[in-house]
């Protein structure tokens, strides 16, 4: 595990701070849209059985360095975890942030019954 970073589901307190990362990937037109998007995902997670995980990668100083969305779906071949959103926002340790996000995604896929993980190129 990469101890330089903490990768976890986004919290309400992180939503606004994550907007610049989401904006870089054209996820939401404005902060209001982003908040609604996050509220939907957080509410589904809190109710249990969430099919989407919005993950943030935070460094030891509390700065957000990565963001990704993982979506679980069922196919004829079994469960698949797609990652349609993957943003890394650092030039100093891009590999470290990617590795930390990948580790967390692999853990989510394993906990979803060994879902096949589809990462962006």
C-alpha atoms as a PDB file:
ATOM      1  CA  UNK A   1       0.000   0.000   0.000  1.00  0.00           C
ATOM      2  CA  UNK A   2       1.191   3.489  -0.831  1.00  0.00           C
ATOM      3  CA  UNK A   3       1.188   5.214   2.569  1.00  0.00           C
ATOM      4  CA  UNK A   4       1.891   8.658   1.094  1.00  0.00           C
ATOM      5  CA  UNK A   5      -1.754   8.855   0.003  1.00  0.00           C
ATOM      6  CA  UNK A   6      -5.170   8.043   1.386  1.00  0.00           C
ATOM      7  CA  UNK A   7      -7.708   6.924  -1.208  1.00  0.00           C
ATOM      8  CA  UNK A   8     -11.314   6.760  -0.051  1.00  0.00           C
ATOM      9  CA  UNK A   9     -14.863   7.518  -1.099  1.00  0.00           C
ATOM     10  CA  UNK A  10     -15.458  11.239  -1.359  1.00  0.00           C
ATOM     11  CA  UNK A  11     -16.957  12.927   1.693  1.00  0.00           C
ATOM     12  CA  UNK A  12     -19.311  15.898   1.798  1.00  0.00           C
ATOM     13  CA  UNK A  13     -16.432  18.018   3.120  1.00  0.00           C
ATOM     14  CA  UNK A  14     -14.323  17.166   0.042  1.00  0.00           C
ATOM     15  CA  UNK A  15     -16.926  17.852  -2.646  1.00  0.00           C
ATOM     16  CA  UNK A  16     -16.093  21.513  -3.269  1.00  0.00           C
ATOM     17  CA  UNK A  17     -12.347  20.900  -2.971  1.00  0.00           C
ATOM     18  CA  UNK A  18     -12.584  18.162  -5.625  1.00  0.00           C
ATOM     19  CA  UNK A  19     -14.381  20.408  -8.119  1.00  0.00           C
ATOM     20  CA  UNK A  20     -11.169  21.679  -9.809  1.00  0.00           C
ATOM     21  CA  UNK A  21     -10.185  18.073 -10.560  1.00  0.00           C
ATOM     22  CA  UNK A  22     -13.657  17.291 -11.898  1.00  0.00           C
ATOM     23  CA  UNK A  23     -13.637  20.507 -13.896  1.00  0.00           C
ATOM     24  CA  UNK A  24     -10.358  19.503 -15.540  1.00  0.00           C
ATOM     25  CA  UNK A  25     -12.136  16.397 -16.843  1.00  0.00           C
ATOM     26  CA  UNK A  26     -15.300  18.263 -17.911  1.00  0.00           C
ATOM     27  CA  UNK A  27     -17.447  16.204 -15.528  1.00  0.00           C
ATOM     28  CA  UNK A  28     -19.779  19.027 -14.522  1.00  0.00           C
ATOM     29  CA  UNK A  29     -20.652  22.355 -16.095  1.00  0.00           C
ATOM     30  CA  UNK A  30     -20.460  24.224 -12.803  1.00  0.00           C
ATOM     31  CA  UNK A  31     -20.095  23.776  -9.059  1.00  0.00           C
ATOM     32  CA  UNK A  32     -23.851  23.315  -8.597  1.00  0.00           C
ATOM     33  CA  UNK A  33     -23.939  20.418 -11.080  1.00  0.00           C
ATOM     34  CA  UNK A  34     -20.898  18.877  -9.412  1.00  0.00           C
ATOM     35  CA  UNK A  35     -22.516  19.098  -5.984  1.00  0.00           C
ATOM     36  CA  UNK A  36     -25.668  17.378  -7.279  1.00  0.00           C
ATOM     37  CA  UNK A  37     -23.592  14.647  -8.929  1.00  0.00           C
ATOM     38  CA  UNK A  38     -21.690  14.025  -5.687  1.00  0.00           C
ATOM     39  CA  UNK A  39     -24.820  14.185  -3.520  1.00  0.00           C
ATOM     40  CA  UNK A  40     -26.415  11.423  -5.610  1.00  0.00           C
ATOM     41  CA  UNK A  41     -23.385   9.164  -5.268  1.00  0.00           C
ATOM     42  CA  UNK A  42     -22.935   9.852  -1.543  1.00  0.00           C
ATOM     43  CA  UNK A  43     -26.640   9.237  -0.848  1.00  0.00           C
ATOM     44  CA  UNK A  44     -26.573   5.905  -2.716  1.00  0.00           C
ATOM     45  CA  UNK A  45     -23.464   4.861  -0.802  1.00  0.00           C
ATOM     46  CA  UNK A  46     -25.020   5.796   2.540  1.00  0.00           C
ATOM     47  CA  UNK A  47     -28.133   3.744   1.705  1.00  0.00           C
ATOM     48  CA  UNK A  48     -25.986   0.687   0.941  1.00  0.00           C
ATOM     49  CA  UNK A  49     -25.589  -1.286  -2.255  1.00  0.00           C
ATOM     50  CA  UNK A  50     -23.933   1.543  -4.186  1.00  0.00           C
ATOM     51  CA  UNK A  51     -22.966   0.727  -7.781  1.00  0.00           C
ATOM     52  CA  UNK A  52     -20.762   3.820  -8.094  1.00  0.00           C
ATOM     53  CA  UNK A  53     -17.781   4.956  -6.054  1.00  0.00           C
ATOM     54  CA  UNK A  54     -16.330   8.440  -6.375  1.00  0.00           C
ATOM     55  CA  UNK A  55     -12.818   8.183  -4.967  1.00  0.00           C
ATOM     56  CA  UNK A  56     -10.412  10.927  -3.987  1.00  0.00           C
ATOM     57  CA  UNK A  57      -6.689  10.558  -3.416  1.00  0.00           C
ATOM     58  CA  UNK A  58      -5.454  12.824  -0.633  1.00  0.00           C
ATOM     59  CA  UNK A  59      -1.831  13.419   0.315  1.00  0.00           C
ATOM     60  CA  UNK A  60      -0.535  13.718   3.876  1.00  0.00           C
ATOM     61  CA  UNK A  61      -1.133  17.476   3.886  1.00  0.00           C
ATOM     62  CA  UNK A  62      -4.791  17.057   2.936  1.00  0.00           C
ATOM     63  CA  UNK A  63      -4.451  18.159  -0.692  1.00  0.00           C
ATOM     64  CA  UNK A  64      -6.507  16.224  -3.238  1.00  0.00           C
ATOM     65  CA  UNK A  65      -4.214  14.794  -5.900  1.00  0.00           C
ATOM     66  CA  UNK A  66      -6.515  12.399  -7.703  1.00  0.00           C
ATOM     67  CA  UNK A  67     -10.139  11.664  -8.464  1.00  0.00           C
ATOM     68  CA  UNK A  68     -11.837   8.719 -10.098  1.00  0.00           C
ATOM     69  CA  UNK A  69     -15.289   7.292 -10.610  1.00  0.00           C
ATOM     70  CA  UNK A  70     -15.763   3.527 -10.530  1.00  0.00           C
ATOM     71  CA  UNK A  71     -19.039   2.082 -11.803  1.00  0.00           C
ATOM     72  CA  UNK A  72     -20.002  -1.537 -11.236  1.00  0.00           C
ATOM     73  CA  UNK A  73     -22.154  -3.215 -13.867  1.00  0.00           C
ATOM     74  CA  UNK A  74     -23.224  -6.760 -14.605  1.00  0.00           C
ATOM     75  CA  UNK A  75     -22.558  -8.340 -17.989  1.00  0.00           C
ATOM     76  CA  UNK A  76     -23.071 -11.802 -19.456  1.00  0.00           C
ATOM     77  CA  UNK A  77     -19.401 -12.496 -18.679  1.00  0.00           C
ATOM     78  CA  UNK A  78     -19.714 -11.357 -15.050  1.00  0.00           C
ATOM     79  CA  UNK A  79     -19.274  -8.168 -13.070  1.00  0.00           C
ATOM     80  CA  UNK A  80     -17.221  -5.355 -14.584  1.00  0.00           C
ATOM     81  CA  UNK A  81     -15.935  -2.259 -12.841  1.00  0.00           C
ATOM     82  CA  UNK A  82     -15.550   0.591 -15.323  1.00  0.00           C
ATOM     83  CA  UNK A  83     -13.515   3.682 -14.510  1.00  0.00           C
ATOM     84  CA  UNK A  84     -14.916   6.393 -16.808  1.00  0.00           C
ATOM     85  CA  UNK A  85     -13.299   9.219 -14.820  1.00  0.00           C
ATOM     86  CA  UNK A  86      -9.657   9.156 -13.757  1.00  0.00           C
ATOM     87  CA  UNK A  87      -7.840  12.414 -12.952  1.00  0.00           C
ATOM     88  CA  UNK A  88      -4.335  12.800 -11.543  1.00  0.00           C
ATOM     89  CA  UNK A  89      -3.414  16.337 -10.485  1.00  0.00           C
ATOM     90  CA  UNK A  90       0.281  16.347  -9.718  1.00  0.00           C
ATOM     91  CA  UNK A  91       3.499  16.514 -11.664  1.00  0.00           C
ATOM     92  CA  UNK A  92       5.743  15.492  -8.789  1.00  0.00           C
ATOM     93  CA  UNK A  93       4.386  12.000  -8.100  1.00  0.00           C
ATOM     94  CA  UNK A  94       2.018  11.056 -10.886  1.00  0.00           C
ATOM     95  CA  UNK A  95       2.994   7.375 -10.639  1.00  0.00           C
ATOM     96  CA  UNK A  96       2.413   7.334  -6.874  1.00  0.00           C
ATOM     97  CA  UNK A  97      -1.073   8.817  -7.193  1.00  0.00           C
ATOM     98  CA  UNK A  98      -1.968   6.435 -10.038  1.00  0.00           C
ATOM     99  CA  UNK A  99      -0.688   3.500  -8.012  1.00  0.00           C
ATOM    100  CA  UNK A 100      -2.673   4.509  -4.916  1.00  0.00           C
ATOM    101  CA  UNK A 101      -5.866   4.904  -6.966  1.00  0.00           C
ATOM    102  CA  UNK A 102      -5.256   1.584  -8.738  1.00  0.00           C
ATOM    103  CA  UNK A 103      -4.767  -0.241  -5.414  1.00  0.00           C
ATOM    104  CA  UNK A 104      -8.077   1.072  -4.087  1.00  0.00           C
ATOM    105  CA  UNK A 105      -9.877   0.221  -7.335  1.00  0.00           C
ATOM    106  CA  UNK A 106      -8.485  -3.317  -7.229  1.00  0.00           C
ATOM    107  CA  UNK A 107      -9.772  -3.642  -3.664  1.00  0.00           C
ATOM    108  CA  UNK A 108     -13.228  -2.467  -4.714  1.00  0.00           C
ATOM    109  CA  UNK A 109     -13.268  -4.900  -7.635  1.00  0.00           C
ATOM    110  CA  UNK A 110     -12.262  -7.762  -5.343  1.00  0.00           C
ATOM    111  CA  UNK A 111     -14.955  -6.869  -2.811  1.00  0.00           C
ATOM    112  CA  UNK A 112     -17.488  -6.872  -5.657  1.00  0.00           C
ATOM    113  CA  UNK A 113     -16.906 -10.577  -6.204  1.00  0.00           C
ATOM    114  CA  UNK A 114     -13.796 -10.254  -8.325  1.00  0.00           C
ATOM    115  CA  UNK A 115     -15.237  -7.840 -10.861  1.00  0.00           C
ATOM    116  CA  UNK A 116     -13.059  -7.326 -13.921  1.00  0.00           C
ATOM    117  CA  UNK A 117     -11.469  -3.885 -13.665  1.00  0.00           C
ATOM    118  CA  UNK A 118     -11.418  -1.701 -16.790  1.00  0.00           C
ATOM    119  CA  UNK A 119      -9.012   1.190 -16.312  1.00  0.00           C
ATOM    120  CA  UNK A 120      -8.511   4.018 -18.783  1.00  0.00           C
ATOM    121  CA  UNK A 121      -5.438   3.752 -20.985  1.00  0.00           C
END
